[in-house]
Amino acid sequence: MPTQRWRPARALIWVALAAAVGGPIAAAAFSPQLQWRGPIYILAGFAGIVALGLVLVQPLLIGGYLPGLSAYRGRRAHRWIGGALVVAVAIHVGGLWITSPPDMIDALLFASPTLFSPFGVIAMWAIFAVATMAALRRRWGLRARTWRIVHMPLAIVIVAGGVVHAVLIEGTMETVSKAALCVLVVVATVAVMADLRARRKRGTSREETM
């Protein structure tokens, strides 16, 4: 009986997550600005929206906040979603490069006049750095503590840079849904980091008492 009581709550969490990620994508699909954009530019733009949604999913997975997933499955999904995030960012940047190489060169050289460009570029390099270290973690022999020390600051850079980048862009994303997604990304990241830190402290205190 307790399991049956909790099933609606679990389903509600997944529905809320789907709405948070899918809402901005659906709203952007009805943007009038798409009428003046080519298919490659549109693909690049939606890849950026998907990337922001994946950034929301990542802390929820590693924090164990998504029901129905064990800790092992959550960590494994976290790695797969990380790979999907890299692909989404690559499509986003690659598509913009194809449609406007000079603008992308200026962005990558931090010479772009637009305020949102440097935040997006910084977040991009942080994503690529995390992905590279995750792929080479075993080869480099990185311990769990070392991995956390490196990964956590980069995750903060990814979230901060990605959110500011999205907020400053006035594009196809609808304002309210974009703002809601950005707020959720920040709240989820801060909450999970604080929760993980508290868990580690409790684990350390238990070891000391033993």
Protein backbone atom coordinates (compact mmCIF):
# COMPACT_ATOMS: atom_id res chain seq x y z
CA MET A 1 0.00 0.00 0.00
CA PRO A 2 2.73 2.60 0.77
CA THR A 3 4.24 1.91 -2.64
CA GLN A 4 0.92 2.61 -4.34
CA ARG A 5 0.58 5.88 -2.42
CA TRP A 6 3.94 7.08 -3.61
CA ARG A 7 3.48 6.16 -7.26
CA PRO A 8 1.47 9.31 -8.15
CA ALA A 9 4.11 11.48 -6.48
CA ARG A 10 6.89 9.76 -8.42
CA ALA A 11 5.01 10.19 -11.67
CA LEU A 12 4.40 13.85 -10.84
CA ILE A 13 8.14 14.46 -10.45
CA TRP A 14 8.84 13.01 -13.88
CA VAL A 15 5.97 14.99 -15.41
CA ALA A 16 7.27 18.20 -13.84
CA LEU A 17 10.77 17.52 -15.17
CA ALA A 18 9.41 16.80 -18.65
CA ALA A 19 7.42 20.04 -18.54
CA ALA A 20 10.43 22.05 -17.33
CA VAL A 21 12.62 20.74 -20.15
CA GLY A 22 10.02 20.31 -22.88
CA GLY A 23 8.09 23.52 -22.18
CA PRO A 24 10.78 25.92 -23.44
CA ILE A 25 11.40 23.71 -26.47
CA ALA A 26 7.70 23.67 -27.36
CA ALA A 27 7.38 27.42 -26.80
CA ALA A 28 10.41 28.11 -29.00
CA ALA A 29 8.86 25.99 -31.76
CA PHE A 30 6.08 28.59 -32.07
CA SER A 31 8.42 31.59 -32.12
CA PRO A 32 7.73 33.94 -35.05
CA GLN A 33 11.49 34.46 -35.40
CA LEU A 34 11.82 30.99 -36.91
CA GLN A 35 10.26 32.30 -40.11
CA TRP A 36 13.42 34.18 -40.99
CA ARG A 37 15.90 31.47 -39.99
CA GLY A 38 17.43 28.66 -42.03
CA PRO A 39 17.23 24.99 -40.99
CA ILE A 40 20.83 24.80 -39.76
CA TYR A 41 20.41 27.90 -37.60
CA ILE A 42 17.16 26.53 -36.19
CA LEU A 43 18.82 23.19 -35.41
CA ALA A 44 21.67 24.98 -33.67
CA GLY A 45 19.27 27.07 -31.62
CA PHE A 46 17.19 24.11 -30.47
CA ALA A 47 20.37 22.19 -29.63
CA GLY A 48 21.22 25.03 -27.25
CA ILE A 49 17.80 24.80 -25.61
CA VAL A 50 18.17 21.04 -25.23
CA ALA A 51 21.62 21.55 -23.70
CA LEU A 52 20.17 23.88 -21.07
CA GLY A 53 17.51 21.31 -20.25
CA LEU A 54 20.15 18.59 -19.86
CA VAL A 55 22.03 20.83 -17.42
CA LEU A 56 18.91 20.69 -15.23
CA VAL A 57 18.77 16.89 -15.40
CA GLN A 58 22.41 16.36 -14.41
CA PRO A 59 22.31 17.46 -10.75
CA LEU A 60 18.98 15.71 -10.20
CA LEU A 61 20.53 12.45 -11.37
CA ILE A 62 23.68 12.66 -9.30
CA GLY A 63 21.72 13.79 -6.24
CA GLY A 64 19.32 10.85 -6.47
CA TYR A 65 16.29 13.11 -6.73
CA LEU A 66 14.64 11.27 -9.62
CA PRO A 67 12.42 8.40 -8.40
CA GLY A 68 12.77 4.93 -9.79
CA LEU A 69 16.52 5.19 -10.33
CA SER A 70 19.00 3.50 -8.04
CA ALA A 71 22.24 5.28 -7.13
CA TYR A 72 24.11 3.16 -9.66
CA ARG A 73 21.62 3.84 -12.45
CA GLY A 74 21.57 7.52 -11.56
CA ARG A 75 25.36 7.79 -11.88
CA ARG A 76 25.33 5.84 -15.12
CA ALA A 77 22.57 8.03 -16.56
CA HIS A 78 24.55 11.06 -15.40
CA ARG A 79 27.47 9.95 -17.56
CA TRP A 80 25.26 9.29 -20.59
CA ILE A 81 23.47 12.61 -20.23
CA GLY A 82 26.88 14.26 -19.96
CA GLY A 83 27.77 12.76 -23.32
CA ALA A 84 24.47 13.97 -24.77
CA LEU A 85 25.22 17.43 -23.40
CA VAL A 86 28.55 17.49 -25.23
CA VAL A 87 26.81 16.46 -28.47
CA ALA A 88 24.12 19.14 -28.03
CA VAL A 89 26.72 21.85 -27.43
CA ALA A 90 28.76 20.66 -30.42
CA ILE A 91 25.66 20.86 -32.65
CA HIS A 92 24.82 24.28 -31.23
CA VAL A 93 28.29 25.70 -31.85
CA GLY A 94 28.81 23.85 -35.14
CA GLY A 95 25.52 25.06 -36.56
CA LEU A 96 26.24 28.65 -35.62
CA TRP A 97 29.71 28.31 -37.13
CA ILE A 98 28.23 27.13 -40.43
CA THR A 99 25.67 29.95 -40.56
CA SER A 100 28.03 32.72 -39.44
CA PRO A 101 31.76 31.88 -39.14
CA PRO A 102 32.90 35.48 -38.41
CA ASP A 103 30.52 35.78 -35.45
CA MET A 104 31.71 32.45 -34.03
CA ILE A 105 35.37 33.40 -34.44
CA ASP A 106 34.72 36.64 -32.55
CA ALA A 107 32.88 34.69 -29.84
CA LEU A 108 35.65 32.11 -29.42
CA LEU A 109 38.26 34.88 -29.28
CA PHE A 110 36.15 36.83 -26.75
CA ALA A 111 35.97 39.69 -29.24
CA SER A 112 32.22 39.58 -29.83
CA PRO A 113 30.28 42.78 -29.06
CA THR A 114 27.34 40.74 -27.72
CA LEU A 115 27.23 40.34 -23.94
CA PHE A 116 25.99 36.74 -23.99
CA SER A 117 28.84 35.31 -26.10
CA PRO A 118 31.65 35.07 -23.50
CA PHE A 119 29.39 33.33 -20.97
CA GLY A 120 28.40 30.71 -23.53
CA VAL A 121 32.00 30.13 -24.62
CA ILE A 122 33.21 29.75 -21.03
CA ALA A 123 30.41 27.28 -20.27
CA MET A 124 31.25 25.37 -23.46
CA TRP A 125 34.92 24.94 -22.56
CA ALA A 126 33.96 23.89 -19.03
CA ILE A 127 31.64 21.21 -20.47
CA PHE A 128 34.37 19.94 -22.77
CA ALA A 129 36.86 19.93 -19.89
CA VAL A 130 34.58 17.84 -17.68
CA ALA A 131 33.85 15.43 -20.53
CA THR A 132 37.56 15.01 -21.27
CA MET A 133 38.45 14.35 -17.66
CA ALA A 134 35.54 11.93 -17.26
CA ALA A 135 36.72 9.97 -20.31
CA LEU A 136 40.32 9.87 -19.05
CA ARG A 137 39.58 9.58 -15.34
CA ARG A 138 40.61 5.95 -15.00
CA ARG A 139 43.68 6.37 -17.18
CA TRP A 140 44.81 9.35 -15.13
CA GLY A 141 44.01 7.54 -11.89
CA LEU A 142 41.87 10.33 -10.49
CA ARG A 143 40.49 9.46 -7.07
CA ALA A 144 36.92 10.26 -6.08
CA ARG A 145 37.98 13.18 -3.87
CA THR A 146 40.20 14.68 -6.58
CA TRP A 147 37.42 14.26 -9.13
CA ARG A 148 34.97 16.11 -6.87
CA ILE A 149 37.44 18.94 -6.26
CA VAL A 150 37.82 19.46 -10.01
CA HIS A 151 34.30 18.61 -11.14
CA MET A 152 32.32 20.76 -8.71
CA PRO A 153 33.88 24.14 -9.65
CA LEU A 154 33.55 23.31 -13.34
CA ALA A 155 29.90 22.38 -12.79
CA ILE A 156 29.34 25.78 -11.19
CA VAL A 157 30.97 27.46 -14.20
CA ILE A 158 28.78 25.45 -16.56
CA VAL A 159 25.58 26.37 -14.73
CA ALA A 160 26.45 30.03 -14.19
CA GLY A 161 27.77 30.55 -17.70
CA GLY A 162 24.96 28.62 -19.37
CA VAL A 163 22.21 30.39 -17.43
CA VAL A 164 23.60 33.90 -17.98
CA HIS A 165 24.17 33.07 -21.65
CA ALA A 166 20.54 31.99 -22.04
CA VAL A 167 19.08 34.91 -20.08
CA LEU A 168 20.97 37.52 -22.10
CA ILE A 169 19.96 36.09 -25.48
CA GLU A 170 16.82 37.56 -26.99
CA GLY A 171 16.00 34.82 -29.46
CA THR A 172 13.45 32.13 -30.13
CA MET A 173 13.05 31.08 -26.49
CA GLU A 174 9.90 32.35 -24.82
CA THR A 175 10.74 34.64 -21.89
CA VAL A 176 8.72 33.08 -19.06
CA SER A 177 9.55 29.44 -19.82
CA LYS A 178 13.21 30.34 -20.30
CA ALA A 179 13.33 32.19 -16.98
CA ALA A 180 11.62 29.29 -15.20
CA LEU A 181 14.09 26.77 -16.65
CA CYS A 182 17.06 28.94 -15.69
CA VAL A 183 15.78 29.33 -12.13
CA LEU A 184 15.24 25.58 -11.84
CA VAL A 185 18.77 24.88 -13.10
CA VAL A 186 20.29 27.16 -10.47
CA VAL A 187 18.05 25.94 -7.64
CA ALA A 188 18.63 22.27 -8.47
CA THR A 189 22.40 22.73 -8.69
CA VAL A 190 22.67 24.63 -5.40
CA ALA A 191 20.34 22.22 -3.59
CA VAL A 192 22.15 19.10 -4.79
CA MET A 193 25.60 20.48 -4.02
CA ALA A 194 24.50 21.45 -0.51
CA ASP A 195 22.86 18.04 -0.02
CA LEU A 196 25.94 16.13 -1.21
CA ARG A 197 28.16 18.19 1.06
CA ALA A 198 25.89 17.45 4.04
CA ARG A 199 25.93 13.75 3.21
CA ARG A 200 29.73 13.69 3.11
CA LYS A 201 29.89 15.49 6.45
CA ARG A 202 27.50 13.00 8.03
CA GLY A 203 29.56 10.14 6.63
CA THR A 204 32.77 11.65 8.01
CA SER A 205 31.22 12.22 11.45
CA ARG A 206 30.01 8.62 11.59
CA GLU A 207 33.49 7.35 10.72
CA GLU A 208 35.00 9.51 13.49
CA THR A 209 32.54 8.24 16.09
CA MET A 210 33.32 4.64 15.18
